[in-house]
Amino acid sequence: MNVREKAIALTALIGIGLALGPGTLAQQQASVPDAPTPQAPTALPGTNGPITPGIGASDGTPNSNASSSNPGQGQSAPAAPAPKVNHAAPPSTQPANTQDTPPEQGIAAVNASFVSQVTEVVVPVTVKDSKGNPVAGLTWRDFTVFENNARTPLRVFSVDPRPISVAFVIDQTLPANYMREVNESLNAIQGALTPYDEAAIFTYTNGAKEWTGFTGAQGARLPAVLSLAQAAGTDPMVPINSGPLAGCNIYQNGNCVDPNLQPGRSTAMNGYISIPKEIHTLNDAILEAAKELSTRPKERLRVIYVISDGKEYGSKASFNEVRKYLQTNNIAVYATLVGESARWGEGWLDRFHLPFEAYDNILYKYVAATGGDMFSERGVNNIEKSYAKIADEARNQYTLVYASHESIYDSRWRSIDVRVDRPNVVVTAKPGYYPSAQEYK
């Protein structure tokens, strides 16, 4: 086909298209399928209409009372917004005095109970047999809890391990030989913790010192700080109050040249007996650790671990003040007793306080007041084992949660009595607590 024939054919096709008209072309294009049209989103479960911010879901039913604001234009007035409804169920006014209903199980139930506005109390419980071995396999039916001598039903029962936030408090006023054993045992602390735990390090001599805040238990920071926190300890000596070594040997006009060296210091009283006093600020150290620990989440187990001989003298805070702070913030004190207080028999005698003398051991008071535990150990190997034993005991406890029947506005002391329906067992739990307003915010 030459060029002329091609031109004649093209002219014929154009003529045919004009003869048929645009309708025929539209019918040919109608056979081509269109793209799928967008579908309206499905309604949320439990709703029958749109959701308005601040109001919630409506049922989609038109308002029968709605009338046209301008009948001439034929437009109806917008419907009034639905009233805001509080879907929270009202609290029950009937006291539950039985334990027929089983509590919720698992750690997820424990976490959910902490955010409620009910006065729920968490009680970690340790149960041991007569030989000191933990008793496993108990159920919620074996436990009975009394608050202020009134039986309270359990809301949650859990045996799942909880992550620990532990603040280590290390006594640096120990004699040099005992301090050396403690320094060598500090490397075993990290092995007693899990990656879910966190730790902070505190030491004390004449006052408390924080070496690091809470950091990961299996991180590189914890062993580095523990190596920096080691100390040489003290060398106790017999005080000298008379003789050539007692004061200054160079006198001028009956007084020592340096008033800081003579007996009686600047008072210039040669007959004044000045025996140096030991300083053991254990109360201040525990209080500083408790302040830092009180900021940790409530889902974690708050523990203060003390490594000391238990001596106390020179603290600004009293034992009663620190004990109340611990009981208010749900903090348990565990301890490894070292030094002379760890000797058999002597540790028991150290609990007796002589008037006008330092307290030889008050750690057992903190442990008993907070539901913790304490081991008396001597030697590096035994001290290292105590870290693992106490950490395992604190983590694997029975967690009981009950709803207090007392008013949230009553800040007085509330006693707790936990009983286990098993013979020849030793139950360890906190004896009570002071309610805190921050638990209900």
Protein backbone atom coordinates (compact mmCIF):
# COMPACT_ATOMS: atom_id res chain seq x y z
CA MET A 1 0.00 0.00 0.00
CA ASN A 2 1.45 3.25 -1.13
CA VAL A 3 1.12 6.63 0.52
CA ARG A 4 -1.96 7.61 -1.46
CA GLU A 5 -3.82 4.46 -0.53
CA LYS A 6 -3.00 5.02 3.17
CA ALA A 7 -4.41 8.58 3.03
CA ILE A 8 -7.65 7.36 1.40
CA ALA A 9 -8.13 4.64 4.13
CA LEU A 10 -7.55 7.13 6.97
CA THR A 11 -10.09 9.55 5.45
CA ALA A 12 -12.64 6.75 5.24
CA LEU A 13 -12.22 5.83 8.95
CA ILE A 14 -12.67 9.43 10.05
CA GLY A 15 -15.82 9.68 8.01
CA ILE A 16 -17.28 6.53 9.54
CA GLY A 17 -16.57 7.88 13.09
CA LEU A 18 -18.36 11.13 12.32
CA ALA A 19 -21.31 9.25 10.94
CA LEU A 20 -21.71 7.08 13.99
CA GLY A 21 -21.60 10.03 16.44
CA PRO A 22 -20.19 10.39 20.01
CA GLY A 23 -22.85 8.08 21.54
CA THR A 24 -21.41 5.02 19.95
CA LEU A 25 -17.94 5.79 21.29
CA ALA A 26 -19.37 6.25 24.83
CA GLN A 27 -21.06 2.84 24.60
CA GLN A 28 -17.78 1.27 23.62
CA GLN A 29 -16.00 2.91 26.58
CA ALA A 30 -18.73 1.83 29.02
CA SER A 31 -17.66 -1.79 28.69
CA VAL A 32 -14.32 -0.96 30.39
CA PRO A 33 -14.65 -1.71 34.16
CA ASP A 34 -14.00 1.12 36.62
CA ALA A 35 -11.74 0.95 39.72
CA PRO A 36 -13.41 -0.35 42.92
CA THR A 37 -15.18 2.34 44.91
CA PRO A 38 -13.91 3.02 48.51
CA GLN A 39 -15.87 1.30 51.23
CA ALA A 40 -16.98 2.95 54.48
CA PRO A 41 -15.01 1.77 57.57
CA THR A 42 -16.74 -0.77 59.76
CA ALA A 43 -17.99 0.38 63.18
CA LEU A 44 -16.01 -0.38 66.31
CA PRO A 45 -17.19 -3.31 68.43
CA GLY A 46 -19.85 -2.27 70.89
CA THR A 47 -20.81 0.94 69.04
CA ASN A 48 -23.71 1.70 66.72
CA GLY A 49 -22.74 5.16 65.60
CA PRO A 50 -19.91 7.66 65.24
CA ILE A 51 -17.52 8.52 68.06
CA THR A 52 -17.32 12.15 69.14
CA PRO A 53 -14.28 13.30 71.17
CA GLY A 54 -15.29 14.11 74.73
CA ILE A 55 -18.72 12.47 74.33
CA GLY A 56 -18.05 8.91 73.24
CA ALA A 57 -20.01 6.66 70.91
CA SER A 58 -23.60 7.47 69.93
CA ASP A 59 -26.25 4.98 68.85
CA GLY A 60 -26.79 6.65 65.48
CA THR A 61 -30.52 7.18 66.14
CA PRO A 62 -31.74 10.58 64.87
CA ASN A 63 -33.00 12.95 67.49
CA SER A 64 -36.79 13.09 67.30
CA ASN A 65 -36.87 16.41 69.14
CA ALA A 66 -34.65 18.09 66.59
CA SER A 67 -36.51 20.77 64.62
CA SER A 68 -35.56 23.07 61.83
CA SER A 69 -34.00 26.30 62.99
CA ASN A 70 -35.00 27.92 59.65
CA PRO A 71 -38.00 26.16 58.05
CA GLY A 72 -37.71 28.25 54.98
CA GLN A 73 -34.40 26.70 54.06
CA GLY A 74 -35.48 23.16 55.00
CA GLN A 75 -32.39 22.50 57.18
CA SER A 76 -32.81 20.85 60.58
CA ALA A 77 -30.93 22.03 63.66
CA PRO A 78 -28.03 19.86 64.87
CA ALA A 79 -28.93 17.32 67.56
CA ALA A 80 -27.87 18.03 71.13
CA PRO A 81 -24.75 16.07 72.25
CA ALA A 82 -25.38 12.97 74.29
CA PRO A 83 -24.62 13.31 78.01
CA LYS A 84 -21.32 11.97 79.22
CA VAL A 85 -21.77 8.64 80.92
CA ASN A 86 -19.39 7.23 83.51
CA HIS A 87 -18.95 3.61 82.59
CA ALA A 88 -17.03 2.74 85.78
CA ALA A 89 -18.95 0.42 88.06
CA PRO A 90 -19.74 1.85 91.50
CA PRO A 91 -17.81 0.30 94.38
CA SER A 92 -19.54 -2.42 96.29
CA THR A 93 -20.86 -1.44 99.68
CA GLN A 94 -21.11 -5.00 100.99
CA PRO A 95 -18.00 -6.12 102.87
CA ALA A 96 -16.51 -9.37 101.67
CA ASN A 97 -15.93 -11.50 104.76
CA THR A 98 -15.25 -14.82 103.10
CA GLN A 99 -12.56 -16.26 100.85
CA ASP A 100 -14.77 -18.50 98.76
CA THR A 101 -13.95 -16.60 95.56
CA PRO A 102 -10.45 -17.44 94.32
CA PRO A 103 -8.15 -14.47 93.71
CA GLU A 104 -6.65 -13.62 90.37
CA GLN A 105 -3.53 -15.52 89.45
CA GLY A 106 -0.26 -14.41 87.87
CA ILE A 107 1.98 -11.39 87.90
CA ALA A 108 -0.15 -9.61 85.28
CA ALA A 109 -2.96 -9.44 87.81
CA VAL A 110 -0.56 -7.96 90.38
CA ASN A 111 0.52 -5.23 87.98
CA ALA A 112 -3.10 -4.37 87.18
CA SER A 113 -4.01 -4.05 90.83
CA PHE A 114 -1.39 -1.38 91.50
CA VAL A 115 -3.06 1.27 89.32
CA SER A 116 -6.52 1.00 90.84
CA GLN A 117 -7.98 3.51 93.24
CA VAL A 118 -8.82 0.86 95.83
CA THR A 119 -6.70 0.66 98.98
CA GLU A 120 -4.98 -2.55 97.97
CA VAL A 121 -2.00 -3.77 100.00
CA VAL A 122 0.80 -5.95 98.63
CA VAL A 123 2.36 -8.37 101.12
CA PRO A 124 5.35 -10.50 100.05
CA VAL A 125 5.49 -13.64 102.21
CA THR A 126 8.28 -16.16 102.77
CA VAL A 127 7.41 -19.59 104.17
CA LYS A 128 10.13 -21.92 105.53
CA ASP A 129 10.10 -25.23 107.30
CA SER A 130 11.74 -25.98 110.65
CA LYS A 131 15.13 -26.50 108.92
CA GLY A 132 15.06 -23.17 107.12
CA ASN A 133 14.22 -24.53 103.67
CA PRO A 134 11.59 -22.71 101.59
CA VAL A 135 8.18 -24.35 101.37
CA ALA A 136 6.83 -24.50 97.83
CA GLY A 137 3.52 -25.60 96.39
CA LEU A 138 1.21 -23.55 98.58
CA THR A 139 -2.03 -22.19 97.14
CA TRP A 140 -4.19 -19.21 98.03
CA ARG A 141 -6.37 -21.44 100.21
CA ASP A 142 -3.42 -22.00 102.59
CA PHE A 143 -3.10 -18.29 103.46
CA THR A 144 -5.21 -16.15 105.76
CA VAL A 145 -4.55 -12.43 106.19
CA PHE A 146 -5.74 -10.25 109.06
CA GLU A 147 -5.47 -6.45 109.07
CA ASN A 148 -6.09 -4.84 112.45
CA ASN A 149 -7.43 -8.22 113.66
CA ALA A 150 -10.05 -8.30 110.88
CA ARG A 151 -9.90 -11.04 108.26
CA THR A 152 -9.57 -9.71 104.72
CA PRO A 153 -10.11 -11.72 101.51
CA LEU A 154 -7.32 -12.01 98.99
CA ARG A 155 -7.69 -10.14 95.71
CA VAL A 156 -4.55 -11.47 93.99
CA PHE A 157 -2.31 -14.45 94.68
CA SER A 158 0.93 -14.88 92.73
CA VAL A 159 4.02 -17.05 92.88
CA ASP A 160 5.76 -15.48 89.89
CA PRO A 161 9.20 -13.92 90.52
CA ARG A 162 9.29 -10.14 90.60
CA PRO A 163 12.12 -7.89 89.39
CA ILE A 164 14.14 -6.37 92.21
CA SER A 165 15.31 -2.81 92.80
CA VAL A 166 18.03 -3.26 95.42
CA ALA A 167 20.10 -0.57 97.14
CA PHE A 168 23.32 -1.95 98.62
CA VAL A 169 24.50 -0.23 101.80
CA ILE A 170 28.13 -1.12 102.67
CA ASP A 171 29.63 -0.36 106.06
CA GLN A 172 33.13 1.12 105.74
CA THR A 173 33.67 1.51 109.50
CA LEU A 174 34.47 -2.20 109.87
CA PRO A 175 37.89 -3.25 111.21
CA ALA A 176 40.49 -3.71 108.51
CA ASN A 177 40.49 -7.53 108.60
CA TYR A 178 36.68 -7.75 108.20
CA MET A 179 36.66 -4.97 105.62
CA ARG A 180 39.11 -6.97 103.53
CA GLU A 181 36.71 -9.92 103.45
CA VAL A 182 33.83 -7.69 102.40
CA ASN A 183 35.89 -6.12 99.60
CA GLU A 184 36.78 -9.54 98.19
CA SER A 185 33.16 -10.68 98.28
CA LEU A 186 31.71 -7.70 96.41
CA ASN A 187 32.51 -9.29 93.06
CA ALA A 188 29.85 -11.94 93.73
CA ILE A 189 27.00 -9.40 94.02
CA GLN A 190 26.39 -9.18 90.28
CA GLY A 191 26.12 -12.96 90.00
CA ALA A 192 23.18 -12.97 92.42
CA LEU A 193 21.09 -10.61 90.25
CA THR A 194 19.27 -11.04 86.94
CA PRO A 195 19.13 -8.79 83.86
CA TYR A 196 15.67 -7.63 84.99
CA ASP A 197 17.05 -6.28 88.29
CA GLU A 198 18.64 -2.93 89.04
CA ALA A 199 21.02 -1.86 91.79
CA ALA A 200 22.39 1.25 93.50
CA ILE A 201 25.47 1.48 95.72
CA PHE A 202 25.73 3.39 99.02
CA THR A 203 28.50 3.43 101.64
CA TYR A 204 28.80 5.11 105.01
CA THR A 205 31.40 6.09 107.58
CA ASN A 206 30.60 9.47 109.10
CA GLY A 207 27.63 10.05 106.83
CA ALA A 208 26.23 8.30 103.77
CA LYS A 209 27.63 8.48 100.24
CA GLU A 210 25.86 7.47 97.03
CA TRP A 211 28.25 6.05 94.46
CA THR A 212 25.70 5.45 91.73
CA GLY A 213 21.98 5.61 91.21
CA PHE A 214 19.98 2.65 89.97
CA THR A 215 21.67 0.97 87.05
CA GLY A 216 21.27 -2.35 85.24
CA ALA A 217 22.30 -5.29 87.39
CA GLN A 218 24.16 -7.01 84.53
CA GLY A 219 25.72 -3.89 83.07
CA ALA A 220 29.38 -2.94 83.17
CA ARG A 221 28.76 0.01 85.47
CA LEU A 222 27.90 -2.02 88.58
CA PRO A 223 31.20 -3.96 88.98
CA ALA A 224 33.17 -0.81 88.19
CA VAL A 225 31.41 1.13 90.94
CA LEU A 226 31.80 -1.75 93.41
CA SER A 227 35.56 -1.72 92.84
CA LEU A 228 35.66 2.03 93.48
CA ALA A 229 33.56 1.70 96.65
CA GLN A 230 36.09 -0.50 98.42
CA ALA A 231 37.74 0.92 101.54
CA ALA A 232 40.58 -0.02 103.90
CA GLY A 233 38.45 -0.05 107.03
CA THR A 234 39.54 1.11 110.46
CA ASP A 235 42.19 -0.02 112.93
CA PRO A 236 40.71 0.12 116.42
CA MET A 237 43.28 1.00 119.07
CA VAL A 238 43.21 1.37 122.83
CA PRO A 239 42.67 5.04 123.71
CA ILE A 240 45.47 6.67 125.73
CA ASN A 241 44.30 9.20 128.31
CA SER A 242 47.45 9.66 130.45
CA GLY A 243 51.23 9.46 130.19
CA PRO A 244 53.66 11.01 127.75
CA LEU A 245 51.69 9.85 124.70
CA ALA A 246 48.32 11.11 125.89
CA GLY A 247 48.78 14.79 125.10
CA CYS A 248 51.28 17.42 124.14
CA ASN A 249 54.81 17.19 125.58
CA ILE A 250 55.73 20.79 124.78
CA TYR A 251 54.12 23.26 127.15
CA GLN A 252 54.33 27.02 127.39
CA ASN A 253 53.11 28.76 130.55
CA GLY A 254 51.41 25.55 131.62
CA ASN A 255 49.54 25.11 128.37
CA CYS A 256 50.29 23.12 125.26
CA VAL A 257 51.68 25.03 122.33
CA ASP A 258 49.01 23.52 120.10
CA PRO A 259 45.65 23.59 121.96
CA ASN A 260 44.32 20.91 119.61
CA LEU A 261 46.78 18.35 120.98
CA GLN A 262 46.40 18.82 124.70
CA PRO A 263 43.84 16.90 126.77
CA GLY A 264 40.67 18.89 126.97
CA ARG A 265 41.59 20.74 123.80
CA SER A 266 41.32 24.53 124.17
CA THR A 267 39.88 24.28 127.72
CA ALA A 268 43.42 23.55 128.99
CA MET A 269 42.17 21.02 131.53
CA ASN A 270 44.96 18.46 131.93
CA GLY A 271 42.73 16.16 133.99
CA TYR A 272 40.03 16.01 131.31
CA ILE A 273 39.48 12.51 129.91
CA SER A 274 38.70 12.59 126.21
CA ILE A 275 38.09 9.13 124.73
CA PRO A 276 37.52 9.15 120.97
CA LYS A 277 34.05 8.02 119.95
CA GLU A 278 33.29 5.68 117.10
CA ILE A 279 30.95 6.94 114.41
CA HIS A 280 28.60 4.48 112.67
CA THR A 281 25.84 6.37 110.83
CA LEU A 282 23.79 3.32 109.86
CA ASN A 283 20.43 5.08 110.25
CA ASP A 284 21.42 7.91 107.92
CA ALA A 285 22.71 5.46 105.30
CA ILE A 286 19.52 3.39 105.28
CA LEU A 287 17.42 6.55 105.07
CA GLU A 288 19.38 7.86 102.07
CA ALA A 289 19.00 4.53 100.30
CA ALA A 290 15.28 4.44 101.12
CA LYS A 291 14.72 7.91 99.65
CA GLU A 292 16.27 6.83 96.36
CA LEU A 293 14.41 3.52 96.44
CA SER A 294 11.01 5.10 97.02
CA THR A 295 11.13 6.58 93.50
CA ARG A 296 11.22 3.17 91.82
CA PRO A 297 8.06 1.72 90.20
CA LYS A 298 5.62 0.01 92.51
CA GLU A 299 5.63 -3.15 90.40
CA ARG A 300 9.22 -3.85 91.46
CA LEU A 301 10.32 -5.36 94.75
CA ARG A 302 12.05 -2.65 96.77
CA VAL A 303 14.95 -4.02 98.82
CA ILE A 304 17.76 -2.48 100.89
CA TYR A 305 20.69 -4.87 101.31
CA VAL A 306 22.99 -3.95 104.19
CA ILE A 307 26.48 -5.41 104.67
CA SER A 308 27.54 -4.34 108.16
CA ASP A 309 28.15 -5.34 111.76
CA GLY A 310 24.99 -3.45 112.76
CA LYS A 311 26.62 -0.79 114.94
CA GLU A 312 24.93 2.59 115.14
CA TYR A 313 26.17 5.84 116.64
CA GLY A 314 26.16 9.44 115.47
CA SER A 315 23.26 9.41 112.97
CA LYS A 316 21.03 12.44 112.64
CA ALA A 317 17.98 10.26 111.93
CA SER A 318 16.56 8.05 114.66
CA PHE A 319 15.63 4.42 114.26
CA ASN A 320 11.90 5.12 114.66
CA GLU A 321 11.95 7.76 111.92
CA VAL A 322 13.75 5.49 109.46
CA ARG A 323 11.55 2.51 110.31
CA LYS A 324 8.37 4.50 109.64
CA TYR A 325 9.72 5.69 106.30
CA LEU A 326 10.50 2.11 105.28
CA GLN A 327 7.08 0.84 106.31
CA THR A 328 5.35 3.67 104.46
CA ASN A 329 7.15 3.03 101.16
CA ASN A 330 6.98 -0.80 101.17
CA ILE A 331 10.74 -1.30 101.49
CA ALA A 332 12.20 -4.51 102.93
CA VAL A 333 15.63 -4.66 104.59
CA TYR A 334 17.86 -7.69 104.09
CA ALA A 335 21.30 -7.94 105.63
CA THR A 336 24.51 -9.94 105.84
CA LEU A 337 25.91 -9.53 109.33
CA VAL A 338 29.71 -9.55 109.39
CA GLY A 339 32.46 -8.80 111.88
CA GLU A 340 32.26 -9.49 115.58
CA SER A 341 28.46 -9.45 115.53
CA ALA A 342 28.52 -12.52 113.28
CA ARG A 343 30.10 -14.71 115.95
CA TRP A 344 27.92 -17.37 117.50
CA GLY A 345 26.45 -16.09 120.75
CA GLU A 346 28.10 -12.68 120.54
CA GLY A 347 25.71 -11.50 117.85
CA TRP A 348 22.81 -12.28 120.18
CA LEU A 349 24.43 -10.42 123.10
CA ASP A 350 25.04 -7.39 120.89
CA ARG A 351 21.28 -6.84 120.71
CA PHE A 352 21.27 -5.65 124.31
CA HIS A 353 21.95 -1.94 124.54
CA LEU A 354 23.89 -0.43 127.42
CA PRO A 355 22.93 3.12 128.44
CA PHE A 356 25.20 5.90 127.17
CA GLU A 357 26.90 3.46 124.80
CA ALA A 358 26.68 2.88 121.06
CA TYR A 359 24.22 0.35 119.69
CA ASP A 360 26.23 -2.77 118.86
CA ASN A 361 23.61 -4.25 116.50
CA ILE A 362 20.32 -2.81 115.28
CA LEU A 363 20.11 -4.57 111.93
CA TYR A 364 17.83 -7.24 113.34
CA LYS A 365 15.32 -4.50 114.23
CA TYR A 366 15.16 -3.25 110.64
CA VAL A 367 14.82 -6.80 109.31
CA ALA A 368 11.99 -7.68 111.70
CA ALA A 369 10.14 -4.40 111.09
CA THR A 370 10.09 -4.74 107.28
CA GLY A 371 9.71 -8.50 106.72
CA GLY A 372 13.24 -9.10 105.46
CA ASP A 373 15.88 -11.65 106.44
CA MET A 374 19.44 -11.67 107.77
CA PHE A 375 22.37 -14.10 107.71
CA SER A 376 25.40 -13.97 110.00
CA GLU A 377 28.45 -14.99 107.97
CA ARG A 378 32.19 -15.11 108.46
CA GLY A 379 34.72 -15.63 105.71
CA VAL A 380 34.68 -14.57 102.08
CA ASN A 381 33.06 -17.75 100.79
CA ASN A 382 30.16 -17.62 103.24
CA ILE A 383 29.56 -13.93 102.61
CA GLU A 384 29.40 -14.56 98.85
CA LYS A 385 26.89 -17.38 99.34
CA SER A 386 24.67 -15.15 101.46
CA TYR A 387 24.22 -12.73 98.55
CA ALA A 388 22.75 -15.48 96.35
CA LYS A 389 20.60 -16.94 99.14
CA ILE A 390 18.99 -13.67 100.11
CA ALA A 391 18.48 -12.53 96.51
CA ASP A 392 16.81 -15.84 95.65
CA GLU A 393 14.65 -15.67 98.77
CA ALA A 394 13.53 -12.11 98.08
CA ARG A 395 12.67 -12.87 94.45
CA ASN A 396 10.78 -16.14 94.98
CA GLN A 397 8.09 -15.19 97.45
CA TYR A 398 4.36 -15.62 97.68
CA THR A 399 2.75 -12.31 96.73
CA LEU A 400 -0.56 -11.62 98.48
CA VAL A 401 -2.75 -8.65 97.59
CA TYR A 402 -5.83 -7.71 99.59
CA ALA A 403 -8.15 -4.72 99.81
CA SER A 404 -7.91 -2.83 103.07
CA HIS A 405 -11.17 -2.15 104.88
CA GLU A 406 -9.73 0.98 106.49
CA SER A 407 -10.36 4.45 105.10
CA ILE A 408 -7.74 5.95 102.81
CA TYR A 409 -7.85 9.09 104.94
CA ASP A 410 -6.68 7.18 108.04
CA SER A 411 -2.88 7.42 108.22
CA ARG A 412 -2.46 5.46 111.41
CA TRP A 413 -0.49 2.22 111.76
CA ARG A 414 -2.18 -0.88 110.36
CA SER A 415 -1.06 -4.28 111.61
CA ILE A 416 -0.82 -7.32 109.33
CA ASP A 417 -0.99 -10.94 110.47
CA VAL A 418 -0.36 -13.63 107.84
CA ARG A 419 -1.16 -17.22 108.78
CA VAL A 420 -0.46 -20.42 106.84
CA ASP A 421 -2.50 -23.56 107.25
CA ARG A 422 0.53 -25.85 107.46
CA PRO A 423 2.19 -27.34 110.55
CA ASN A 424 5.74 -26.50 111.63
CA VAL A 425 6.36 -23.62 109.26
CA VAL A 426 7.88 -20.19 109.81
CA VAL A 427 6.07 -17.31 108.10
CA THR A 428 8.01 -14.12 107.38
CA ALA A 429 6.06 -11.03 106.34
CA LYS A 430 5.96 -7.38 107.25
CA PRO A 431 4.12 -6.81 110.55
CA GLY A 432 2.23 -3.78 109.23
CA TYR A 433 2.49 -0.54 107.34
CA TYR A 434 1.64 3.14 107.28
CA PRO A 435 -0.61 4.12 104.36
CA SER A 436 0.86 6.56 101.89
CA ALA A 437 -1.10 9.10 99.86
CA GLN A 438 1.09 8.57 96.80
CA GLU A 439 -0.21 5.01 96.50
CA TYR A 440 -3.66 6.35 95.59
CA LYS A 441 -2.81 9.17 93.20
